[in-house]
Amino acid sequence: MTKLKDHNLTEHEYTDIIFERRPCLDHGGTPVSGLYNAWIVLNNPQQFNSYTTRAVKEVILAFGEASNDRSVVAVIFTAVGDKAFCTGGNTKEYAEYYAGNPQEYAQYMRLFNDMVSAILKCEKPVICRVNGMRIGGGQEIGMAADFTIASDLARFGQAGPKHGSAAIGGATDFLHLFVGIERAMASLTLCEPWTAHQAYQLGLITDIAPVLKVDGQFVPNPLVNIDRYADEFGRIIFGTQKTGEELQKGKELMAKGTLDLTKLDETVNKLVAKLLHTFPNCMAKTLSEMRKKKLEHWDKNKESSREWLALNMMTEAKAGFRAFNEGPKHDREIDFIKLRQLLAEGAEWNEELLISTSPQYKIETV
């Protein structure tokens, strides 16, 4: 037999993510000899699996390695724990290193762009296994995947205009393809998250799975309205978060239960088993044709978006990321009204403006 060539760019020891091959299972749940799924796992649970600069580089290398591995059927893109898939870039790193450093952030965003592109050009189906929150940049890299299977406790959304950025790392390119222009506009500007049930109904994700166990039985997310109903305007509502007494009851039920991701993994494996029973080359061609819809927007916009995001680190991003990183847990947003008032008066973007609008400085001056 001919000795196979290694097409990976470099050998790498992963430290900020986990990369491993796990046996591919057939329809009966039996491991298939010689075939695997590549698991690319974000590993920063203490910071809700936000990605550091090093993690971004490792994700790029991992997708390249998974793409080149002839024995890999599918790639599972996920994260450690049950709280978050990913909440985006590491805000501590943003606030303490990149804020005020546009030339450095431009280089970082080059890596981020390459990470999104690495997902979109992977020669294997990519499944985003959402084990918790998928917010901000986490939502963007998740939407670059081909399929999403989510915990029904997960939440999906953006954070840009609330924290000094714009969701131009993929969300403005991709989200409208899933949910339409106006729903995408609302999500991208207002930054109000969707529940997993809403995301499923809107067409953002492929499937959901229960993960809460109470008295040994899986139960649906008790914090959301599972049944459809019409509100006072006659709109059909599904999957919205409960309020008032119902929300409190849901929280009490949550407190009694434990989280178990077994059903999530079963749902992922069932999808992979279906992918397993297809022609691999026909599958790859179908993926590349479908991904063109995302790439049309992504390739057109990613460089100009990178340049804008770098320059924005001198103004709104500098204020927003530092407020989030340094402000108290109950107050991590700047005073938006005061900022708008100062800008309307012609105020400059300087340290005085930052101090007068940021929550961390407000505490120091009390």
Protein backbone atom coordinates (compact mmCIF):
# COMPACT_ATOMS: atom_id res chain seq x y z
CA MET A 1 0.00 0.00 0.00
CA THR A 2 1.25 3.53 -0.85
CA LYS A 3 2.43 5.51 2.13
CA LEU A 4 -0.04 8.34 2.72
CA LYS A 5 1.22 11.91 2.80
CA ASP A 6 0.61 14.22 5.76
CA HIS A 7 -1.11 17.41 4.54
CA ASN A 8 -1.24 19.23 7.89
CA LEU A 9 0.66 22.52 8.01
CA THR A 10 2.36 21.72 11.30
CA GLU A 11 2.32 19.36 14.24
CA HIS A 12 0.80 20.95 17.30
CA GLU A 13 0.19 20.16 20.95
CA TYR A 14 -3.14 21.66 21.99
CA THR A 15 -3.31 23.49 25.32
CA ASP A 16 -6.24 25.95 25.23
CA ILE A 17 -8.62 23.58 23.42
CA ILE A 18 -9.09 19.83 23.36
CA PHE A 19 -8.73 17.96 20.08
CA GLU A 20 -9.47 14.27 19.96
CA ARG A 21 -10.86 11.53 17.75
CA ARG A 22 -13.81 9.59 19.15
CA PRO A 23 -15.31 6.46 17.57
CA CYS A 24 -18.07 7.08 15.04
CA LEU A 25 -21.25 5.22 15.97
CA ASP A 26 -23.71 3.52 13.60
CA HIS A 27 -27.52 3.66 13.86
CA GLY A 28 -27.44 1.09 16.65
CA GLY A 29 -24.89 3.02 18.68
CA THR A 30 -22.07 0.59 17.91
CA PRO A 31 -18.58 1.98 17.19
CA VAL A 32 -17.55 1.58 13.54
CA SER A 33 -14.07 0.16 13.11
CA GLY A 34 -11.55 2.62 11.70
CA LEU A 35 -13.93 5.61 11.52
CA TYR A 36 -14.07 8.54 13.93
CA ASN A 37 -15.53 11.93 14.73
CA ALA A 38 -13.11 14.76 15.44
CA TRP A 39 -14.08 16.64 18.60
CA ILE A 40 -12.83 20.23 18.78
CA VAL A 41 -13.58 21.40 22.31
CA LEU A 42 -13.18 24.93 23.67
CA ASN A 43 -11.65 24.59 27.13
CA ASN A 44 -12.10 27.77 29.14
CA PRO A 45 -15.17 27.04 31.33
CA GLN A 46 -14.11 29.54 34.02
CA GLN A 47 -14.73 32.31 31.47
CA PHE A 48 -17.71 30.71 29.71
CA ASN A 49 -15.44 29.19 27.06
CA SER A 50 -14.50 32.54 25.60
CA TYR A 51 -11.62 32.11 23.18
CA THR A 52 -8.17 33.54 23.83
CA THR A 53 -5.75 34.43 21.04
CA ARG A 54 -4.00 31.08 21.53
CA ALA A 55 -7.30 29.21 21.43
CA VAL A 56 -8.20 30.87 18.12
CA LYS A 57 -4.93 29.68 16.60
CA GLU A 58 -5.52 26.17 17.91
CA VAL A 59 -9.07 26.03 16.53
CA ILE A 60 -7.67 26.92 13.08
CA LEU A 61 -5.11 24.13 13.29
CA ALA A 62 -7.66 21.65 14.66
CA PHE A 63 -10.11 22.21 11.82
CA GLY A 64 -7.29 21.76 9.33
CA GLU A 65 -6.24 18.53 11.00
CA ALA A 66 -9.81 17.22 11.15
CA SER A 67 -10.40 18.16 7.52
CA ASN A 68 -7.30 16.24 6.40
CA ASP A 69 -7.97 13.14 8.50
CA ARG A 70 -9.23 10.46 6.09
CA SER A 71 -10.86 8.48 8.92
CA VAL A 72 -13.00 11.37 10.20
CA VAL A 73 -16.70 11.30 9.30
CA ALA A 74 -17.80 14.54 11.01
CA VAL A 75 -16.45 17.30 13.22
CA ILE A 76 -18.15 18.05 16.55
CA PHE A 77 -17.43 21.64 17.60
CA THR A 78 -18.30 22.10 21.26
CA ALA A 79 -16.98 23.14 24.68
CA VAL A 80 -16.27 21.91 28.18
CA GLY A 81 -19.03 21.96 30.80
CA ASP A 82 -22.75 22.70 30.71
CA LYS A 83 -22.88 26.50 31.09
CA ALA A 84 -21.64 27.77 27.73
CA PHE A 85 -20.57 26.74 24.28
CA CYS A 86 -18.89 30.09 23.84
CA THR A 87 -19.55 33.73 24.74
CA GLY A 88 -17.11 35.12 22.17
CA GLY A 89 -13.70 36.67 22.54
CA ASN A 90 -12.05 36.73 25.95
CA THR A 91 -13.15 40.10 27.37
CA LYS A 92 -10.34 40.15 29.94
CA GLU A 93 -7.79 39.86 27.14
CA TYR A 94 -9.71 42.42 25.08
CA ALA A 95 -9.89 44.93 27.93
CA GLU A 96 -6.35 44.51 29.25
CA TYR A 97 -4.41 44.12 26.00
CA TYR A 98 -6.34 44.98 22.85
CA ALA A 99 -8.36 48.00 24.07
CA GLY A 100 -6.61 51.11 22.76
CA ASN A 101 -4.32 48.95 20.58
CA PRO A 102 -5.92 48.91 17.11
CA GLN A 103 -2.81 47.63 15.36
CA GLU A 104 -2.69 44.60 17.69
CA TYR A 105 -6.42 43.96 17.43
CA ALA A 106 -6.17 44.04 13.63
CA GLN A 107 -3.71 41.16 13.80
CA TYR A 108 -5.96 39.31 16.24
CA MET A 109 -8.94 39.79 13.93
CA ARG A 110 -6.90 38.34 11.07
CA LEU A 111 -6.69 35.17 13.17
CA PHE A 112 -10.41 35.33 14.01
CA ASN A 113 -11.27 35.65 10.32
CA ASP A 114 -9.07 32.63 9.60
CA MET A 115 -10.91 30.67 12.31
CA VAL A 116 -14.31 31.33 10.72
CA SER A 117 -12.89 30.51 7.28
CA ALA A 118 -11.36 27.28 8.64
CA ILE A 119 -14.82 26.14 9.73
CA LEU A 120 -16.38 27.10 6.39
CA LYS A 121 -13.75 25.27 4.34
CA CYS A 122 -13.62 22.09 6.45
CA GLU A 123 -14.09 19.09 4.15
CA LYS A 124 -16.20 17.25 6.72
CA PRO A 125 -19.68 18.11 8.04
CA VAL A 126 -19.37 20.38 11.08
CA ILE A 127 -21.86 20.00 13.92
CA CYS A 128 -21.97 22.66 16.61
CA ARG A 129 -22.88 20.87 19.85
CA VAL A 130 -24.25 23.69 21.99
CA ASN A 131 -23.87 22.75 25.65
CA GLY A 132 -24.92 26.17 27.02
CA MET A 133 -24.88 29.84 26.00
CA ARG A 134 -23.91 30.68 22.41
CA ILE A 135 -23.49 34.43 22.55
CA GLY A 136 -21.53 37.10 20.65
CA GLY A 137 -18.56 35.67 18.78
CA GLY A 138 -19.66 32.25 20.00
CA GLN A 139 -22.86 32.68 18.01
CA GLU A 140 -20.80 33.71 14.98
CA ILE A 141 -18.46 30.72 14.96
CA GLY A 142 -21.43 28.48 15.71
CA MET A 143 -23.34 29.75 12.68
CA ALA A 144 -20.33 28.95 10.50
CA ALA A 145 -21.01 25.27 11.26
CA ASP A 146 -23.32 23.18 9.06
CA PHE A 147 -25.63 21.87 11.79
CA THR A 148 -26.42 22.82 15.38
CA ILE A 149 -27.68 20.45 18.08
CA ALA A 150 -28.39 22.30 21.32
CA SER A 151 -29.22 21.75 24.94
CA ASP A 152 -32.75 23.05 25.46
CA LEU A 153 -31.35 25.23 28.25
CA ALA A 154 -29.08 27.05 25.78
CA ARG A 155 -29.50 30.68 24.78
CA PHE A 156 -28.49 32.30 21.50
CA GLY A 157 -27.73 35.92 20.72
CA GLN A 158 -25.40 38.83 20.17
CA ALA A 159 -23.84 41.40 22.49
CA GLY A 160 -22.08 43.87 20.18
CA PRO A 161 -23.89 47.24 20.49
CA LYS A 162 -24.34 46.66 24.23
CA HIS A 163 -20.62 46.21 24.83
CA GLY A 164 -18.93 48.42 22.29
CA SER A 165 -18.78 46.37 19.13
CA ALA A 166 -20.78 45.24 16.11
CA ALA A 167 -21.55 41.64 15.22
CA ILE A 168 -19.50 41.78 12.02
CA GLY A 169 -17.44 38.68 12.72
CA GLY A 170 -20.02 36.64 10.83
CA ALA A 171 -23.41 37.40 12.38
CA THR A 172 -24.33 40.22 9.99
CA ASP A 173 -23.26 37.89 7.17
CA PHE A 174 -25.01 34.72 8.34
CA LEU A 175 -27.95 35.35 10.66
CA HIS A 176 -30.42 36.66 8.08
CA LEU A 177 -29.87 33.47 6.05
CA PHE A 178 -31.34 31.50 8.95
CA VAL A 179 -34.11 33.73 10.33
CA GLY A 180 -34.78 36.52 7.81
CA ILE A 181 -33.77 40.18 7.71
CA GLU A 182 -36.04 41.70 10.37
CA ARG A 183 -35.55 39.03 13.04
CA ALA A 184 -31.82 39.20 12.37
CA MET A 185 -31.95 42.99 12.66
CA ALA A 186 -33.68 42.78 16.03
CA SER A 187 -31.17 40.26 17.38
CA LEU A 188 -28.10 42.10 16.11
CA THR A 189 -29.12 45.54 17.35
CA LEU A 190 -31.10 44.90 20.54
CA CYS A 191 -28.96 41.97 21.75
CA GLU A 192 -31.94 40.19 23.32
CA PRO A 193 -31.17 36.44 23.42
CA TRP A 194 -33.40 33.68 22.09
CA THR A 195 -34.08 30.50 24.02
CA ALA A 196 -33.15 27.21 22.37
CA HIS A 197 -36.83 26.58 21.68
CA GLN A 198 -37.17 29.94 19.92
CA ALA A 199 -33.96 29.32 17.96
CA TYR A 200 -35.33 25.95 16.80
CA GLN A 201 -38.67 27.41 15.73
CA LEU A 202 -36.95 30.26 13.87
CA GLY A 203 -34.78 27.81 11.91
CA LEU A 204 -31.48 28.84 13.48
CA ILE A 205 -30.65 25.35 14.76
CA THR A 206 -31.23 21.76 13.64
CA ASP A 207 -32.47 20.12 16.84
CA ILE A 208 -32.64 20.42 20.62
CA ALA A 209 -32.32 17.89 23.43
CA PRO A 210 -33.41 17.99 27.09
CA VAL A 211 -30.57 18.05 29.62
CA LEU A 212 -32.35 18.65 32.94
CA LYS A 213 -33.07 15.57 35.02
CA VAL A 214 -35.57 15.72 37.89
CA ASP A 215 -36.18 12.58 39.95
CA GLY A 216 -34.29 10.56 37.37
CA GLN A 217 -36.38 11.76 34.40
CA PHE A 218 -35.50 14.24 31.67
CA VAL A 219 -37.78 17.28 31.66
CA PRO A 220 -38.01 20.20 29.20
CA ASN A 221 -36.53 23.55 30.14
CA PRO A 222 -38.84 24.71 32.99
CA LEU A 223 -37.91 28.39 32.52
CA VAL A 224 -39.58 28.75 29.11
CA ASN A 225 -43.10 28.43 27.75
CA ILE A 226 -43.05 25.13 25.87
CA ASP A 227 -46.65 25.25 24.63
CA ARG A 228 -47.77 27.63 21.91
CA TYR A 229 -50.22 30.34 22.93
CA ALA A 230 -51.53 33.61 21.57
CA ASP A 231 -50.59 36.83 23.37
CA GLU A 232 -52.81 39.90 23.77
CA PHE A 233 -52.06 40.95 20.18
CA GLY A 234 -52.93 37.54 18.78
CA ARG A 235 -49.30 36.66 18.03
CA ILE A 236 -48.38 33.00 18.41
CA ILE A 237 -45.73 32.74 21.12
CA PHE A 238 -43.46 29.73 21.62
CA GLY A 239 -40.36 29.17 23.70
CA THR A 240 -40.21 32.57 25.42
CA GLN A 241 -38.90 32.83 28.96
CA LYS A 242 -41.54 32.60 31.66
CA THR A 243 -42.17 35.56 33.94
CA GLY A 244 -43.42 36.20 37.46
CA GLU A 245 -44.72 33.27 39.46
CA GLU A 246 -44.24 30.80 36.61
CA LEU A 247 -40.58 31.73 36.29
CA GLN A 248 -40.08 31.31 40.03
CA LYS A 249 -41.65 27.83 39.89
CA GLY A 250 -39.36 26.98 37.02
CA LYS A 251 -36.30 28.09 38.98
CA GLU A 252 -37.39 25.94 41.92
CA LEU A 253 -37.69 22.92 39.63
CA MET A 254 -34.27 23.70 38.15
CA ALA A 255 -32.79 23.73 41.64
CA LYS A 256 -34.13 20.22 42.30
CA GLY A 257 -32.62 18.77 39.15
CA THR A 258 -29.21 17.89 37.79
CA LEU A 259 -27.77 18.47 34.34
CA ASP A 260 -27.07 15.44 32.18
CA LEU A 261 -25.85 15.88 28.59
CA THR A 262 -26.50 12.26 27.61
CA LYS A 263 -29.51 13.11 25.44
CA LEU A 264 -27.55 15.89 23.76
CA ASP A 265 -24.80 13.45 22.82
CA GLU A 266 -27.34 10.87 21.65
CA THR A 267 -28.92 13.44 19.34
CA VAL A 268 -25.52 14.41 17.95
CA ASN A 269 -24.59 10.77 17.37
CA LYS A 270 -27.91 10.07 15.60
CA LEU A 271 -27.21 12.89 13.18
CA VAL A 272 -23.68 11.63 12.54
CA ALA A 273 -25.02 8.10 11.91
CA LYS A 274 -27.22 9.53 9.17
CA LEU A 275 -24.25 11.39 7.68
CA LEU A 276 -22.22 8.17 7.87
CA HIS A 277 -24.61 6.49 5.43
CA THR A 278 -23.91 8.87 2.54
CA PHE A 279 -21.30 9.08 -0.21
CA PRO A 280 -18.45 11.17 1.26
CA ASN A 281 -17.57 13.02 -1.95
CA CYS A 282 -21.21 13.85 -2.72
CA MET A 283 -21.56 15.02 0.87
CA ALA A 284 -18.50 17.29 0.57
CA LYS A 285 -19.81 18.83 -2.67
CA THR A 286 -23.22 19.49 -1.12
CA LEU A 287 -21.59 21.16 1.87
CA SER A 288 -19.40 23.38 -0.30
CA GLU A 289 -22.38 24.47 -2.43
CA MET A 290 -24.52 25.29 0.61
CA ARG A 291 -21.68 27.14 2.30
CA LYS A 292 -21.41 29.44 -0.72
CA LYS A 293 -24.43 31.34 0.60
CA LYS A 294 -22.48 32.22 3.74
CA LEU A 295 -19.21 32.77 1.89
CA GLU A 296 -20.81 35.24 -0.52
CA HIS A 297 -21.23 37.64 2.38
CA TRP A 298 -18.28 36.56 4.52
CA ASP A 299 -15.59 36.87 1.86
CA LYS A 300 -16.98 40.20 0.68
CA ASN A 301 -17.04 41.81 4.12
CA LYS A 302 -14.47 40.20 6.41
CA GLU A 303 -11.50 42.48 5.61
CA SER A 304 -13.34 45.78 5.84
CA SER A 305 -15.03 44.53 9.02
CA ARG A 306 -11.63 43.62 10.48
CA GLU A 307 -10.30 47.12 9.78
CA TRP A 308 -13.33 48.79 11.35
CA LEU A 309 -13.20 46.59 14.45
CA ALA A 310 -9.52 47.45 14.93
CA LEU A 311 -10.15 51.21 14.79
CA ASN A 312 -13.18 50.85 17.05
CA MET A 313 -10.82 49.64 19.79
CA MET A 314 -9.86 53.31 20.26
CA THR A 315 -13.41 54.41 21.09
CA GLU A 316 -16.56 52.42 21.85
CA ALA A 317 -14.89 49.02 22.18
CA LYS A 318 -12.33 50.47 24.57
CA ALA A 319 -15.13 51.79 26.76
CA GLY A 320 -17.39 48.76 26.43
CA PHE A 321 -14.88 45.99 27.04
CA ARG A 322 -13.29 47.77 30.00
CA ALA A 323 -16.71 48.38 31.54
CA PHE A 324 -17.59 44.70 31.16
CA ASN A 325 -14.22 43.55 32.51
CA GLU A 326 -13.84 45.99 35.39
CA GLY A 327 -17.41 46.94 36.32
CA PRO A 328 -19.39 45.24 39.11
CA LYS A 329 -21.39 42.12 38.24
CA HIS A 330 -24.69 44.00 38.40
CA ASP A 331 -23.49 46.93 36.27
CA ARG A 332 -21.23 46.10 33.32
CA GLU A 333 -22.55 48.58 30.78
CA ILE A 334 -21.60 52.19 30.31
CA ASP A 335 -24.08 55.03 30.86
CA PHE A 336 -25.44 55.07 27.31
CA ILE A 337 -27.60 58.16 27.79
CA LYS A 338 -24.75 60.21 29.23
CA LEU A 339 -22.45 59.07 26.41
CA ARG A 340 -24.97 60.16 23.77
CA GLN A 341 -25.46 63.48 25.53
CA LEU A 342 -21.71 64.14 25.67
CA LEU A 343 -21.23 63.21 22.02
CA ALA A 344 -24.15 65.47 21.06
CA GLU A 345 -22.24 68.31 22.77
CA GLY A 346 -19.14 67.51 20.71
CA ALA A 347 -17.13 65.78 23.43
CA GLU A 348 -13.91 64.05 22.36
CA TRP A 349 -13.19 60.38 22.87
CA ASN A 350 -10.67 60.73 25.67
CA GLU A 351 -9.99 59.45 29.18
CA GLU A 352 -12.31 62.01 30.72
CA LEU A 353 -15.22 60.73 28.64
CA LEU A 354 -14.43 57.13 29.62
CA ILE A 355 -14.28 57.99 33.30
CA SER A 356 -17.55 59.93 33.25
CA THR A 357 -19.54 57.14 31.55
CA SER A 358 -18.05 53.87 32.86
CA PRO A 359 -19.42 51.93 35.87
CA GLN A 360 -16.03 51.00 37.31
CA TYR A 361 -15.05 54.67 37.70
CA LYS A 362 -18.45 55.53 39.17
CA ILE A 363 -17.74 53.17 42.07
CA GLU A 364 -14.32 54.68 42.69
CA THR A 365 -15.68 58.23 42.88
CA VAL A 366 -18.58 57.51 45.26
